[in-house]
């Protein structure tokens, strides 16, 4: 019994002496639970409770454009930003990822709708013998430019359908009001049409969905394969932090690092060898994951991964992601002194960065506070760059905003590791 109490006392003393280890053990799970609860709150709520960012360009000067705008506001589904630029500028805003959805109401939409409604009413009354068609010809061929809806290529189909349903519900109400008003006008104010069914009216306000990207990859839509392959490729590359940090700690524990320091050369020479080795591991991981998406998943009945046509840009993205992952591993391996500390912190921090980066839940449905935090996740940068190539056929100019951040992250982590190592040696 005394031996048991002595063992418990010994383990307790070891634990309380390792304050940084205790912090990692208790604070990291708390951070993980908090962030994951915030991130996954939106998917567990109904879409009606979520404010969807929407760009509205209303070029119609009539009542219809104003009513559509008011209806979108009253739906309480969208967080509307009124845009004063051109249709092409609105498309570029969505293509750049600044906002996920844009609605353009063309000029003279009101006039075209009124003509369609008038033609429908005249045709209906004429078929009932209540209108002389020789005196009032029916203009049933009136057409106009449809309302255009731009979606970002990374919008999921279920989310897209929910947005379209909300917008078309607003349009249906306006169509019904316009038709009822036209019937009353023709038949007199005493005639009511409250029993009218809007499903029988037809589509007087037409909608057209368009890709925001200028050169979209043909027949490519966001599906489980197009999202999960690059997403979990990024996750796997950054999970190398555990192996890399563990290797550095083992070198310090068995004395290998001291023997390396006695050899001619600088700290950066030693770290460059380690970084290049693990960079190659990351690239092999990336190639393996892409092969799974191209060959294995289609054989299992899923979609085939389409990587787009810009292979050089994809290779460049893979290299920058690998550098960012190895740089993070070097930093973690330099900061912590034990395997337990580095493995706990490394694994939990990568899970948090993955959650913030949109690996599980799309960033556009996250709370505003989390959206801001996502901009600082290297996994978000890498995933966005890959999706820009796979879904939008992007090239070097399109992925550069993300790859430049990955390169800066690599430089900061390696520079931070150097300064921390120098401080420890002193």
Protein backbone atom coordinates (compact mmCIF):
# COMPACT_ATOMS: atom_id res chain seq x y z
CA UNK A 1 0.00 0.00 0.00
CA UNK A 2 2.87 2.39 0.86
CA UNK A 3 4.42 1.62 -2.52
CA UNK A 4 1.11 2.53 -4.20
CA UNK A 5 0.90 5.89 -2.39
CA UNK A 6 4.57 6.56 -3.12
CA UNK A 7 3.97 5.91 -6.81
CA UNK A 8 0.93 8.20 -6.87
CA UNK A 9 2.92 10.94 -5.09
CA UNK A 10 5.80 10.58 -7.55
CA UNK A 11 3.54 10.85 -10.61
CA UNK A 12 1.70 13.82 -9.08
CA UNK A 13 4.99 15.67 -8.44
CA UNK A 14 6.11 14.99 -12.02
CA UNK A 15 2.84 16.38 -13.32
CA UNK A 16 2.80 19.59 -11.31
CA UNK A 17 6.44 20.31 -12.15
CA UNK A 18 5.63 20.19 -15.85
CA UNK A 19 3.49 23.32 -15.92
CA UNK A 20 3.58 23.75 -19.70
CA UNK A 21 2.52 20.14 -20.09
CA UNK A 22 -0.42 20.69 -17.74
CA UNK A 23 -1.45 23.76 -19.70
CA UNK A 24 -1.42 21.77 -22.93
CA UNK A 25 -3.41 18.92 -21.36
CA UNK A 26 -6.18 21.13 -19.97
CA UNK A 27 -6.29 24.33 -22.01
CA UNK A 28 -6.04 22.79 -25.49
CA UNK A 29 -9.13 20.55 -25.06
CA UNK A 30 -11.03 23.56 -23.67
CA UNK A 31 -10.05 25.60 -26.73
CA UNK A 32 -10.99 22.72 -29.05
CA UNK A 33 -14.45 22.25 -27.51
CA UNK A 34 -15.16 25.99 -27.56
CA UNK A 35 -14.11 26.55 -31.16
CA UNK A 36 -15.81 23.41 -32.49
CA UNK A 37 -19.06 24.34 -30.72
CA UNK A 38 -18.95 27.80 -32.28
CA UNK A 39 -18.14 26.46 -35.74
CA UNK A 40 -20.74 23.70 -35.80
CA UNK A 41 -23.50 25.86 -34.32
CA UNK A 42 -24.57 27.11 -37.75
CA UNK A 43 -25.14 23.70 -39.41
CA UNK A 44 -27.31 22.61 -36.47
CA UNK A 45 -29.55 25.64 -36.92
CA UNK A 46 -32.14 26.13 -39.63
CA UNK A 47 -31.08 28.23 -42.62
CA UNK A 48 -33.79 30.70 -41.65
CA UNK A 49 -31.77 31.54 -38.53
CA UNK A 50 -28.58 32.26 -40.49
CA UNK A 51 -27.82 35.59 -42.09
CA UNK A 52 -26.47 34.79 -45.55
CA UNK A 53 -24.20 37.51 -47.01
CA UNK A 54 -25.66 38.67 -50.33
CA UNK A 55 -24.63 41.34 -52.85
CA UNK A 56 -27.59 43.10 -54.50
CA UNK A 57 -27.29 45.13 -57.69
CA UNK A 58 -30.67 46.68 -58.54
CA UNK A 59 -30.62 48.30 -62.00
CA UNK A 60 -34.42 48.30 -62.28
CA UNK A 61 -35.97 51.72 -61.72
CA UNK A 62 -39.53 50.40 -61.45
CA UNK A 63 -41.58 49.05 -58.58
CA UNK A 64 -40.54 45.44 -59.10
CA UNK A 65 -36.87 46.03 -58.38
CA UNK A 66 -37.77 47.88 -55.19
CA UNK A 67 -40.22 45.17 -54.13
CA UNK A 68 -37.69 42.38 -54.73
CA UNK A 69 -35.15 44.33 -52.69
CA UNK A 70 -37.67 44.91 -49.90
CA UNK A 71 -38.74 41.27 -50.01
CA UNK A 72 -35.17 40.05 -49.66
CA UNK A 73 -34.70 42.36 -46.67
CA UNK A 74 -37.98 41.26 -45.05
CA UNK A 75 -37.15 37.56 -45.47
CA UNK A 76 -34.58 37.98 -42.68
CA UNK A 77 -32.46 35.29 -44.34
CA UNK A 78 -29.94 37.53 -46.08
CA UNK A 79 -27.45 40.11 -44.93
CA UNK A 80 -27.82 42.42 -47.93
CA UNK A 81 -25.07 44.65 -49.23
CA UNK A 82 -26.26 47.08 -51.90
CA UNK A 83 -23.82 47.37 -54.79
CA UNK A 84 -23.50 50.38 -57.06
CA UNK A 85 -21.01 49.03 -59.58
CA UNK A 86 -21.55 47.15 -62.85
CA UNK A 87 -22.67 43.56 -63.37
CA UNK A 88 -19.11 42.54 -64.29
CA UNK A 89 -17.74 44.12 -61.12
CA UNK A 90 -20.33 42.25 -59.05
CA UNK A 91 -19.27 38.99 -60.70
CA UNK A 92 -15.63 39.68 -59.89
CA UNK A 93 -16.48 40.32 -56.23
CA UNK A 94 -18.05 36.86 -56.00
CA UNK A 95 -15.26 35.25 -58.03
CA UNK A 96 -12.67 36.75 -55.68
CA UNK A 97 -14.37 35.08 -52.70
CA UNK A 98 -15.27 38.35 -50.99
CA UNK A 99 -18.93 37.31 -50.93
CA UNK A 100 -20.62 34.04 -51.91
CA UNK A 101 -23.80 35.23 -53.68
CA UNK A 102 -24.76 38.18 -55.89
CA UNK A 103 -28.18 39.03 -57.36
CA UNK A 104 -28.48 41.37 -60.34
CA UNK A 105 -31.91 42.79 -61.19
CA UNK A 106 -31.60 44.07 -64.79
CA UNK A 107 -33.03 47.35 -66.02
CA UNK A 108 -36.70 47.39 -67.12
CA UNK A 109 -37.49 44.17 -65.26
CA UNK A 110 -40.66 45.82 -63.95
CA UNK A 111 -41.92 46.71 -67.43
CA UNK A 112 -41.27 43.22 -68.80
CA UNK A 113 -43.05 41.58 -65.89
CA UNK A 114 -46.08 43.85 -66.18
CA UNK A 115 -46.34 43.01 -69.88
CA UNK A 116 -46.19 39.28 -69.10
CA UNK A 117 -48.81 39.61 -66.39
CA UNK A 118 -51.06 41.66 -68.68
CA UNK A 119 -50.72 39.07 -71.44
CA UNK A 120 -51.56 36.24 -69.02
CA UNK A 121 -54.62 38.07 -67.65
CA UNK A 122 -55.86 38.95 -71.13
CA UNK A 123 -55.42 35.37 -72.32
CA UNK A 124 -57.23 33.98 -69.27
CA UNK A 125 -60.17 36.36 -69.57
CA UNK A 126 -60.36 35.82 -73.33
CA UNK A 127 -60.57 32.06 -72.84
CA UNK A 128 -63.53 32.68 -70.50
CA UNK A 129 -65.22 34.92 -73.05
CA UNK A 130 -64.84 37.99 -70.85
CA UNK A 131 -62.47 39.90 -73.13
CA UNK A 132 -62.67 40.95 -76.77
CA UNK A 133 -59.29 39.88 -78.19
CA UNK A 134 -59.88 41.83 -81.41
CA UNK A 135 -59.80 45.08 -79.49
CA UNK A 136 -57.06 44.11 -77.04
CA UNK A 137 -54.45 41.90 -78.71
CA UNK A 138 -52.62 39.53 -76.41
CA UNK A 139 -48.86 40.02 -76.33
CA UNK A 140 -47.81 36.64 -74.91
CA UNK A 141 -44.33 36.67 -76.41
CA UNK A 142 -42.91 39.46 -74.28
CA UNK A 143 -39.49 38.54 -72.97
CA UNK A 144 -36.90 40.30 -70.89
CA UNK A 145 -33.52 39.72 -69.35
CA UNK A 146 -33.82 37.36 -66.37
CA UNK A 147 -32.69 38.11 -62.83
CA UNK A 148 -29.10 36.85 -62.61
CA UNK A 149 -27.76 35.03 -59.55
CA UNK A 150 -24.01 34.54 -59.25
CA UNK A 151 -22.78 31.76 -56.96
CA UNK A 152 -19.21 31.14 -55.90
CA UNK A 153 -17.98 27.73 -57.16
CA UNK A 154 -17.41 26.38 -53.64
CA UNK A 155 -21.09 26.76 -52.67
CA UNK A 156 -22.60 23.40 -51.75
CA UNK A 157 -25.66 22.25 -53.69
CA UNK A 158 -27.91 22.03 -50.62
CA UNK A 159 -26.97 25.56 -49.58
CA UNK A 160 -27.48 26.84 -53.13
CA UNK A 161 -30.94 25.24 -53.29
CA UNK A 162 -31.90 26.76 -49.94
CA UNK A 163 -30.88 30.23 -51.12
CA UNK A 164 -32.73 29.84 -54.43
CA UNK A 165 -35.83 28.65 -52.59
CA UNK A 166 -35.81 31.73 -50.36
CA UNK A 167 -35.35 34.11 -53.30
CA UNK A 168 -38.00 32.44 -55.45
CA UNK A 169 -40.44 32.52 -52.54
CA UNK A 170 -40.09 36.30 -52.48
CA UNK A 171 -40.60 36.42 -56.26
CA UNK A 172 -43.68 34.18 -56.09
CA UNK A 173 -45.34 36.49 -53.60
CA UNK A 174 -44.70 39.46 -55.87
CA UNK A 175 -46.06 37.59 -58.89
CA UNK A 176 -49.21 36.66 -56.98
CA UNK A 177 -49.78 40.25 -55.84
CA UNK A 178 -49.28 41.57 -59.36
CA UNK A 179 -51.67 39.02 -60.88
CA UNK A 180 -54.37 39.61 -58.28
CA UNK A 181 -54.06 43.34 -58.86
CA UNK A 182 -54.38 42.90 -62.63
CA UNK A 183 -57.46 40.69 -62.32
CA UNK A 184 -59.09 43.19 -59.98
CA UNK A 185 -58.32 46.00 -62.36
CA UNK A 186 -59.92 44.16 -65.31
CA UNK A 187 -62.94 42.83 -63.39
CA UNK A 188 -63.48 45.72 -60.99
CA UNK A 189 -62.46 46.37 -57.39
CA UNK A 190 -65.40 44.37 -56.02
CA UNK A 191 -64.02 41.14 -57.52
CA UNK A 192 -61.61 39.23 -55.28
CA UNK A 193 -59.18 36.53 -56.23
CA UNK A 194 -57.96 35.54 -52.78
CA UNK A 195 -58.36 31.87 -53.65
CA UNK A 196 -55.85 32.11 -56.47
CA UNK A 197 -53.07 29.51 -56.39
CA UNK A 198 -49.68 30.99 -57.23
CA UNK A 199 -48.47 27.62 -58.48
CA UNK A 200 -50.80 28.00 -61.50
CA UNK A 201 -49.56 31.43 -62.52
CA UNK A 202 -46.33 30.49 -64.27
CA UNK A 203 -42.93 32.14 -64.03
CA UNK A 204 -43.22 35.83 -64.78
CA UNK A 205 -39.91 36.57 -63.04
CA UNK A 206 -37.25 34.30 -64.54
CA UNK A 207 -33.95 33.50 -62.83
CA UNK A 208 -30.61 32.45 -64.28
CA UNK A 209 -27.79 30.90 -62.26
CA UNK A 210 -24.29 31.73 -63.47
CA UNK A 211 -20.77 30.84 -62.42
CA UNK A 212 -18.89 33.78 -60.99
CA UNK A 213 -15.55 32.62 -62.39
CA UNK A 214 -14.65 33.83 -65.86
CA UNK A 215 -13.41 30.42 -67.11
CA UNK A 216 -15.11 27.71 -65.07
CA UNK A 217 -14.03 24.10 -65.45
CA UNK A 218 -16.71 22.43 -67.57
CA UNK A 219 -19.09 20.02 -65.82
CA UNK A 220 -17.45 20.58 -62.42
CA UNK A 221 -19.57 21.14 -59.34
CA UNK A 222 -18.62 20.97 -55.70
CA UNK A 223 -19.19 17.43 -54.45
CA UNK A 224 -17.83 15.28 -51.64
CA UNK A 225 -14.74 14.29 -53.62
CA UNK A 226 -13.89 17.78 -54.89
CA UNK A 227 -14.09 19.09 -51.33
CA UNK A 228 -12.73 16.24 -49.23
CA UNK A 229 -9.64 15.29 -51.25
CA UNK A 230 -7.93 18.73 -51.04
CA UNK A 231 -9.33 19.31 -47.54
CA UNK A 232 -7.94 16.13 -46.02
CA UNK A 233 -4.76 16.44 -48.05
CA UNK A 234 -4.13 19.69 -46.21
CA UNK A 235 -5.02 18.04 -42.90
CA UNK A 236 -2.64 15.13 -43.53
CA UNK A 237 0.22 17.41 -44.56
CA UNK A 238 -0.08 19.50 -41.41
CA UNK A 239 -0.40 16.41 -39.19
CA UNK A 240 3.26 15.80 -40.01
CA UNK A 241 3.89 18.21 -37.13
CA UNK A 242 3.71 15.26 -34.71
CA UNK A 243 6.38 13.22 -36.52
CA UNK A 244 8.66 16.19 -37.22
CA UNK A 245 8.45 17.64 -33.71
CA UNK A 246 8.95 14.17 -32.21
CA UNK A 247 12.06 13.68 -34.33
CA UNK A 248 13.57 16.96 -33.09
CA UNK A 249 12.83 16.14 -29.43
CA UNK A 250 14.31 12.65 -29.82
CA UNK A 251 17.49 14.15 -31.25
CA UNK A 252 17.84 16.37 -28.18
CA UNK A 253 17.13 13.51 -25.77
CA UNK A 254 19.59 10.99 -27.23
CA UNK A 255 22.35 13.54 -27.85
CA UNK A 256 22.21 13.45 -31.64
CA UNK A 257 21.54 17.18 -31.81
CA UNK A 258 24.66 17.98 -29.78
CA UNK A 259 26.80 15.89 -32.15
CA UNK A 260 25.23 17.67 -35.13
CA UNK A 261 26.07 21.06 -33.57
CA UNK A 262 29.77 20.11 -33.39
CA UNK A 263 29.85 19.69 -37.16
CA UNK A 264 30.76 22.72 -39.32
CA UNK A 265 27.74 24.62 -40.54
CA UNK A 266 24.94 26.84 -39.31
CA UNK A 267 21.53 26.22 -37.73
CA UNK A 268 19.83 26.91 -41.05
CA UNK A 269 21.91 24.21 -42.77
CA UNK A 270 20.73 21.61 -40.27
CA UNK A 271 17.11 22.78 -40.44
CA UNK A 272 17.17 22.98 -44.25
CA UNK A 273 18.02 19.27 -44.46
CA UNK A 274 15.18 18.40 -42.10
CA UNK A 275 12.71 20.70 -43.88
CA UNK A 276 13.56 19.36 -47.35
CA UNK A 277 13.23 15.76 -46.17
CA UNK A 278 9.81 16.29 -44.64
CA UNK A 279 8.74 18.48 -47.57
CA UNK A 280 9.28 15.47 -49.81
CA UNK A 281 7.11 13.41 -47.43
CA UNK A 282 4.34 16.04 -47.69
CA UNK A 283 4.50 16.02 -51.49
CA UNK A 284 4.30 12.22 -51.57
CA UNK A 285 1.26 12.48 -49.28
CA UNK A 286 -0.31 14.99 -51.65
CA UNK A 287 0.27 12.84 -54.74
CA UNK A 288 -1.09 9.76 -52.96
CA UNK A 289 -4.28 11.60 -51.92
CA UNK A 290 -4.81 12.92 -55.44
CA UNK A 291 -4.40 9.40 -56.85
CA UNK A 292 -7.04 8.18 -54.41
CA UNK A 293 -9.44 10.85 -55.67
CA UNK A 294 -8.72 10.14 -59.33
CA UNK A 295 -8.65 6.32 -59.32
CA UNK A 296 -9.81 4.70 -56.06
CA UNK A 297 -12.92 6.75 -55.18
CA UNK A 298 -14.52 6.42 -58.68
CA UNK A 299 -14.02 2.64 -58.42
CA UNK A 300 -16.06 2.78 -55.20
CA UNK A 301 -18.96 4.54 -56.91
CA UNK A 302 -18.06 8.14 -56.04
CA UNK A 303 -17.26 11.09 -58.30
CA UNK A 304 -13.83 11.31 -59.87
CA UNK A 305 -11.57 14.11 -58.73
CA UNK A 306 -10.97 16.69 -61.47
CA UNK A 307 -7.81 18.70 -60.88
CA UNK A 308 -8.29 21.31 -63.59
CA UNK A 309 -5.87 22.15 -66.36
CA UNK A 310 -3.27 24.23 -64.52
CA UNK A 311 -0.93 21.53 -63.17
CA UNK A 312 2.07 23.87 -62.61
CA UNK A 313 -0.05 26.09 -60.33
CA UNK A 314 -1.23 23.00 -58.43
CA UNK A 315 2.39 21.85 -57.91
CA UNK A 316 3.29 25.31 -56.65
CA UNK A 317 0.38 25.24 -54.19
CA UNK A 318 1.43 21.78 -52.96
CA UNK A 319 5.00 22.96 -52.36
CA UNK A 320 3.93 26.06 -50.43
CA UNK A 321 1.52 23.99 -48.32
CA UNK A 322 4.30 21.49 -47.59
CA UNK A 323 6.67 24.28 -46.57
CA UNK A 324 4.06 25.80 -44.26
CA UNK A 325 3.42 22.38 -42.66
CA UNK A 326 7.11 21.60 -42.11
CA UNK A 327 7.77 25.10 -40.79
CA UNK A 328 4.99 24.64 -38.24
CA UNK A 329 6.46 21.28 -37.23
CA UNK A 330 9.91 22.84 -36.72
CA UNK A 331 8.42 25.56 -34.53
CA UNK A 332 6.49 23.09 -32.34
CA UNK A 333 9.54 20.83 -32.04
CA UNK A 334 11.65 23.79 -30.94
CA UNK A 335 9.18 25.15 -28.37
CA UNK A 336 8.35 21.93 -26.49
CA UNK A 337 10.71 19.65 -24.62
CA UNK A 338 8.75 16.38 -24.32
CA UNK A 339 6.90 14.09 -26.71
CA UNK A 340 3.71 14.40 -24.67
CA UNK A 341 3.68 18.18 -24.92
CA UNK A 342 4.47 18.33 -28.63
CA UNK A 343 2.08 15.54 -29.66
CA UNK A 344 -0.84 16.92 -27.62
CA UNK A 345 -0.34 20.51 -28.72
CA UNK A 346 0.47 19.56 -32.31
CA UNK A 347 -2.53 17.28 -32.85
CA UNK A 348 -5.09 19.53 -31.14
CA UNK A 349 -3.79 22.71 -32.77
CA UNK A 350 -3.95 21.12 -36.24
CA UNK A 351 -7.54 20.01 -35.56
CA UNK A 352 -8.42 23.57 -34.51
CA UNK A 353 -6.73 25.08 -37.58
CA UNK A 354 -8.52 22.53 -39.77
CA UNK A 355 -11.89 23.39 -38.23
CA UNK A 356 -11.25 27.10 -38.75
CA UNK A 357 -10.05 26.42 -42.28
CA UNK A 358 -13.34 24.92 -43.46
CA UNK A 359 -12.29 21.26 -43.52
CA UNK A 360 -15.57 20.14 -41.90
CA UNK A 361 -17.90 23.11 -42.11
CA UNK A 362 -17.82 25.67 -44.98
CA UNK A 363 -16.47 29.00 -43.80
CA UNK A 364 -19.39 30.96 -45.30
CA UNK A 365 -21.89 29.46 -42.84
CA UNK A 366 -19.74 30.13 -39.77
CA UNK A 367 -20.40 32.96 -37.30
CA UNK A 368 -18.80 36.29 -38.20
CA UNK A 369 -16.23 36.04 -35.39
CA UNK A 370 -15.08 32.64 -36.64
CA UNK A 371 -14.94 33.90 -40.25
CA UNK A 372 -12.40 36.48 -39.14
CA UNK A 373 -10.35 33.81 -37.35
CA UNK A 374 -10.47 31.57 -40.44
CA UNK A 375 -8.46 34.16 -42.35
CA UNK A 376 -5.49 33.31 -40.09
CA UNK A 377 -5.59 29.53 -40.64
CA UNK A 378 -2.94 28.17 -43.05
CA UNK A 379 -5.24 25.23 -43.82
CA UNK A 380 -7.85 27.73 -45.05
CA UNK A 381 -5.27 29.31 -47.35
CA UNK A 382 -4.20 25.95 -48.76
CA UNK A 383 -7.75 24.63 -49.19
CA UNK A 384 -8.85 27.87 -50.90
CA UNK A 385 -5.89 27.70 -53.28
CA UNK A 386 -6.60 24.07 -54.23
CA UNK A 387 -10.32 24.73 -54.73
CA UNK A 388 -9.52 27.78 -56.83
CA UNK A 389 -7.62 25.51 -59.21
CA UNK A 390 -9.98 22.52 -59.09
CA UNK A 391 -13.30 24.38 -59.28
CA UNK A 392 -12.44 27.68 -60.97
CA UNK A 393 -9.56 26.64 -63.23
CA UNK A 394 -7.43 29.29 -61.55
CA UNK A 395 -3.76 29.90 -62.23
CA UNK A 396 -0.83 31.57 -60.53
CA UNK A 397 -2.49 35.03 -60.27
CA UNK A 398 -5.58 33.55 -58.62
CA UNK A 399 -3.73 31.40 -56.07
CA UNK A 400 -1.00 33.90 -55.26
CA UNK A 401 -2.97 35.68 -52.47
CA UNK A 402 -3.09 32.32 -50.65
CA UNK A 403 0.35 30.95 -51.51
CA UNK A 404 2.01 34.21 -50.49
CA UNK A 405 0.45 33.88 -47.03
CA UNK A 406 1.69 30.28 -46.82
CA UNK A 407 5.23 31.38 -47.69
CA UNK A 408 5.10 34.17 -45.12
CA UNK A 409 3.81 31.67 -42.54
CA UNK A 410 6.73 29.37 -43.37
CA UNK A 411 9.22 32.22 -42.95
CA UNK A 412 7.70 33.31 -39.62
CA UNK A 413 7.65 29.79 -38.16
CA UNK A 414 11.23 28.99 -39.17
CA UNK A 415 12.41 32.43 -38.02
CA UNK A 416 10.57 32.00 -34.72
CA UNK A 417 12.11 28.55 -34.24
CA UNK A 418 15.58 30.03 -34.84
CA UNK A 419 15.08 32.78 -32.24
CA UNK A 420 13.66 30.37 -29.66
CA UNK A 421 16.51 27.91 -30.22
CA UNK A 422 19.06 30.71 -29.88
CA UNK A 423 17.43 31.88 -26.61
CA UNK A 424 17.49 28.35 -25.19
CA UNK A 425 21.17 27.90 -26.08
CA UNK A 426 22.09 31.19 -24.44
